[in-house]
Amino acid sequence: MEIFQSESSTPTEKFWKASERMEEIGSILRACFDDHRRSTMIHSLRLMYNHQIITDEDLDGFSEEAQERITL
């Protein structure tokens, strides 16, 4: 929303900034969801947590041990 609400950018600049940001987010999501093995689940969840895709509230259903490993 910040990109589109900026008054200092032209519509074209807003478009390209938003496009770049969507590509960045796409790369993050691909990295988080690329590996479906159970052995890499904590790593994937940690990536999602670090990039604020999931929150502390989302982790409430996990064991305390898993929550600690994810939020390191």
N, C-alpha and C. Protein backbone atom coordinates (compact mmCIF):
# COMPACT_ATOMS: atom_id res chain seq x y z
N MET A 1 0.82 -1.19 0.00
CA MET A 1 0.00 0.00 0.00
C MET A 1 0.87 1.26 0.00
N GLU A 2 2.02 1.18 0.68
CA GLU A 2 2.90 2.35 0.72
C GLU A 2 3.28 2.81 -0.68
N ILE A 3 3.55 1.84 -1.54
CA ILE A 3 3.97 2.16 -2.90
C ILE A 3 2.88 2.95 -3.61
N PHE A 4 1.65 2.48 -3.51
CA PHE A 4 0.56 3.12 -4.25
C PHE A 4 0.09 4.41 -3.62
N GLN A 5 0.35 4.61 -2.35
CA GLN A 5 -0.06 5.83 -1.68
C GLN A 5 0.99 6.93 -1.75
N SER A 6 2.16 6.60 -2.25
CA SER A 6 3.23 7.58 -2.36
C SER A 6 2.82 8.71 -3.31
N GLU A 7 2.97 9.92 -2.85
CA GLU A 7 2.64 11.07 -3.69
C GLU A 7 3.86 11.57 -4.46
N SER A 8 5.02 11.03 -4.14
CA SER A 8 6.24 11.49 -4.81
C SER A 8 6.58 10.67 -6.05
N SER A 9 5.80 9.63 -6.32
CA SER A 9 6.07 8.77 -7.47
C SER A 9 4.99 8.93 -8.52
N THR A 10 5.40 8.78 -9.76
CA THR A 10 4.42 8.80 -10.86
C THR A 10 3.72 7.44 -10.92
N PRO A 11 2.60 7.35 -11.61
CA PRO A 11 1.93 6.05 -11.75
C PRO A 11 2.85 4.97 -12.34
N THR A 12 3.68 5.35 -13.28
CA THR A 12 4.59 4.38 -13.89
C THR A 12 5.63 3.91 -12.87
N GLU A 13 6.18 4.84 -12.10
CA GLU A 13 7.15 4.46 -11.05
C GLU A 13 6.50 3.55 -10.02
N LYS A 14 5.26 3.84 -9.66
CA LYS A 14 4.53 3.00 -8.71
C LYS A 14 4.36 1.59 -9.26
N PHE A 15 4.02 1.49 -10.54
CA PHE A 15 3.85 0.19 -11.18
C PHE A 15 5.13 -0.62 -11.10
N TRP A 16 6.27 0.00 -11.49
CA TRP A 16 7.52 -0.75 -11.51
C TRP A 16 8.00 -1.10 -10.10
N LYS A 17 7.79 -0.22 -9.14
CA LYS A 17 8.16 -0.53 -7.75
C LYS A 17 7.31 -1.69 -7.23
N ALA A 18 6.03 -1.66 -7.53
CA ALA A 18 5.14 -2.74 -7.08
C ALA A 18 5.51 -4.05 -7.77
N SER A 19 5.85 -3.98 -9.03
CA SER A 19 6.25 -5.17 -9.76
C SER A 19 7.52 -5.78 -9.16
N GLU A 20 8.50 -4.95 -8.84
CA GLU A 20 9.73 -5.43 -8.21
C GLU A 20 9.45 -6.05 -6.85
N ARG A 21 8.59 -5.41 -6.08
CA ARG A 21 8.25 -5.93 -4.75
C ARG A 21 7.53 -7.27 -4.84
N MET A 22 6.63 -7.42 -5.80
CA MET A 22 5.93 -8.68 -5.97
C MET A 22 6.90 -9.79 -6.36
N GLU A 23 7.90 -9.47 -7.16
CA GLU A 23 8.91 -10.47 -7.53
C GLU A 23 9.73 -10.87 -6.30
N GLU A 24 10.08 -9.90 -5.45
CA GLU A 24 10.80 -10.20 -4.21
C GLU A 24 9.97 -11.14 -3.33
N ILE A 25 8.71 -10.81 -3.17
CA ILE A 25 7.82 -11.64 -2.34
C ILE A 25 7.66 -13.01 -2.96
N GLY A 26 7.55 -13.08 -4.28
CA GLY A 26 7.45 -14.36 -4.97
C GLY A 26 8.67 -15.22 -4.71
N SER A 27 9.84 -14.63 -4.73
CA SER A 27 11.07 -15.37 -4.45
C SER A 27 11.08 -15.92 -3.03
N ILE A 28 10.62 -15.10 -2.09
CA ILE A 28 10.54 -15.54 -0.70
C ILE A 28 9.58 -16.71 -0.57
N LEU A 29 8.41 -16.59 -1.18
CA LEU A 29 7.41 -17.66 -1.09
C LEU A 29 7.91 -18.94 -1.75
N ARG A 30 8.58 -18.82 -2.88
CA ARG A 30 9.13 -20.02 -3.53
C ARG A 30 10.15 -20.70 -2.63
N ALA A 31 10.98 -19.90 -1.96
CA ALA A 31 11.97 -20.47 -1.05
C ALA A 31 11.30 -21.17 0.14
N CYS A 32 10.21 -20.61 0.62
CA CYS A 32 9.51 -21.18 1.76
C CYS A 32 8.77 -22.46 1.41
N PHE A 33 8.22 -22.54 0.23
CA PHE A 33 7.35 -23.66 -0.12
C PHE A 33 7.98 -24.63 -1.11
N ASP A 34 9.23 -24.44 -1.44
CA ASP A 34 9.86 -25.25 -2.48
C ASP A 34 10.13 -26.69 -2.03
N ASP A 35 10.33 -26.90 -0.76
CA ASP A 35 10.72 -28.22 -0.27
C ASP A 35 9.64 -28.74 0.67
N HIS A 36 9.00 -29.84 0.31
CA HIS A 36 7.87 -30.35 1.08
C HIS A 36 8.24 -31.49 2.01
N ARG A 37 9.52 -31.74 2.19
CA ARG A 37 9.93 -32.83 3.09
C ARG A 37 9.70 -32.46 4.54
N ARG A 38 9.30 -33.43 5.31
CA ARG A 38 9.06 -33.21 6.73
C ARG A 38 10.34 -32.79 7.44
N SER A 39 11.46 -33.28 6.96
CA SER A 39 12.74 -32.98 7.61
C SER A 39 13.14 -31.51 7.46
N THR A 40 12.55 -30.79 6.53
CA THR A 40 12.88 -29.38 6.34
C THR A 40 11.74 -28.45 6.76
N MET A 41 10.73 -29.00 7.40
CA MET A 41 9.56 -28.21 7.79
C MET A 41 9.92 -27.04 8.70
N ILE A 42 10.74 -27.28 9.72
CA ILE A 42 11.09 -26.22 10.66
C ILE A 42 11.82 -25.09 9.92
N HIS A 43 12.72 -25.45 9.03
CA HIS A 43 13.43 -24.44 8.25
C HIS A 43 12.45 -23.60 7.42
N SER A 44 11.51 -24.24 6.76
CA SER A 44 10.51 -23.53 5.95
C SER A 44 9.65 -22.62 6.82
N LEU A 45 9.23 -23.13 7.96
CA LEU A 45 8.42 -22.31 8.88
C LEU A 45 9.23 -21.14 9.42
N ARG A 46 10.52 -21.36 9.70
CA ARG A 46 11.37 -20.26 10.18
C ARG A 46 11.49 -19.17 9.11
N LEU A 47 11.65 -19.57 7.85
CA LEU A 47 11.70 -18.59 6.76
C LEU A 47 10.40 -17.78 6.70
N MET A 48 9.28 -18.48 6.79
CA MET A 48 7.99 -17.79 6.74
C MET A 48 7.83 -16.85 7.93
N TYR A 49 8.27 -17.28 9.09
CA TYR A 49 8.18 -16.45 10.30
C TYR A 49 9.07 -15.21 10.16
N ASN A 50 10.29 -15.41 9.71
CA ASN A 50 11.23 -14.30 9.56
C ASN A 50 10.76 -13.27 8.54
N HIS A 51 10.01 -13.71 7.55
CA HIS A 51 9.50 -12.81 6.53
C HIS A 51 8.07 -12.36 6.82
N GLN A 52 7.62 -12.63 8.04
CA GLN A 52 6.32 -12.21 8.54
C GLN A 52 5.15 -12.74 7.71
N ILE A 53 5.33 -13.93 7.15
CA ILE A 53 4.24 -14.59 6.43
C ILE A 53 3.34 -15.29 7.45
N ILE A 54 3.94 -15.79 8.53
CA ILE A 54 3.19 -16.34 9.66
C ILE A 54 3.58 -15.57 10.91
N THR A 55 2.67 -15.53 11.87
CA THR A 55 2.88 -14.75 13.09
C THR A 55 2.95 -15.66 14.31
N ASP A 56 3.21 -15.07 15.46
CA ASP A 56 3.20 -15.81 16.71
C ASP A 56 1.84 -16.48 16.92
N GLU A 57 0.80 -15.79 16.58
CA GLU A 57 -0.55 -16.33 16.72
C GLU A 57 -0.72 -17.59 15.86
N ASP A 58 -0.14 -17.59 14.67
CA ASP A 58 -0.22 -18.77 13.80
C ASP A 58 0.49 -19.97 14.41
N LEU A 59 1.48 -19.72 15.25
CA LEU A 59 2.27 -20.79 15.84
C LEU A 59 1.65 -21.38 17.10
N ASP A 60 0.53 -20.81 17.55
CA ASP A 60 -0.10 -21.27 18.79
C ASP A 60 -0.42 -22.76 18.78
N GLY A 61 -0.72 -23.34 17.64
CA GLY A 61 -1.06 -24.75 17.57
C GLY A 61 0.13 -25.68 17.59
N PHE A 62 1.33 -25.14 17.54
CA PHE A 62 2.55 -25.94 17.53
C PHE A 62 3.03 -26.18 18.96
N SER A 63 3.84 -27.20 19.14
CA SER A 63 4.41 -27.47 20.47
C SER A 63 5.35 -26.33 20.85
N GLU A 64 5.61 -26.22 22.15
CA GLU A 64 6.52 -25.18 22.62
C GLU A 64 7.90 -25.35 22.01
N GLU A 65 8.35 -26.59 21.88
CA GLU A 65 9.66 -26.86 21.27
C GLU A 65 9.71 -26.37 19.83
N ALA A 66 8.67 -26.66 19.07
CA ALA A 66 8.63 -26.22 17.67
C ALA A 66 8.59 -24.70 17.60
N GLN A 67 7.79 -24.09 18.45
CA GLN A 67 7.71 -22.62 18.47
C GLN A 67 9.08 -22.01 18.75
N GLU A 68 9.80 -22.57 19.70
CA GLU A 68 11.14 -22.04 20.04
C GLU A 68 12.08 -22.19 18.85
N ARG A 69 12.04 -23.33 18.18
CA ARG A 69 12.93 -23.56 17.03
C ARG A 69 12.59 -22.64 15.87
N ILE A 70 11.32 -22.33 15.71
CA ILE A 70 10.90 -21.48 14.59
C ILE A 70 11.24 -20.01 14.86
N THR A 71 11.10 -19.58 16.09
CA THR A 71 11.28 -18.16 16.42
C THR A 71 12.68 -17.78 16.83
N LEU A 72 13.65 -18.69 16.70
CA LEU A 72 15.05 -18.38 17.04
C LEU A 72 15.52 -17.14 16.34
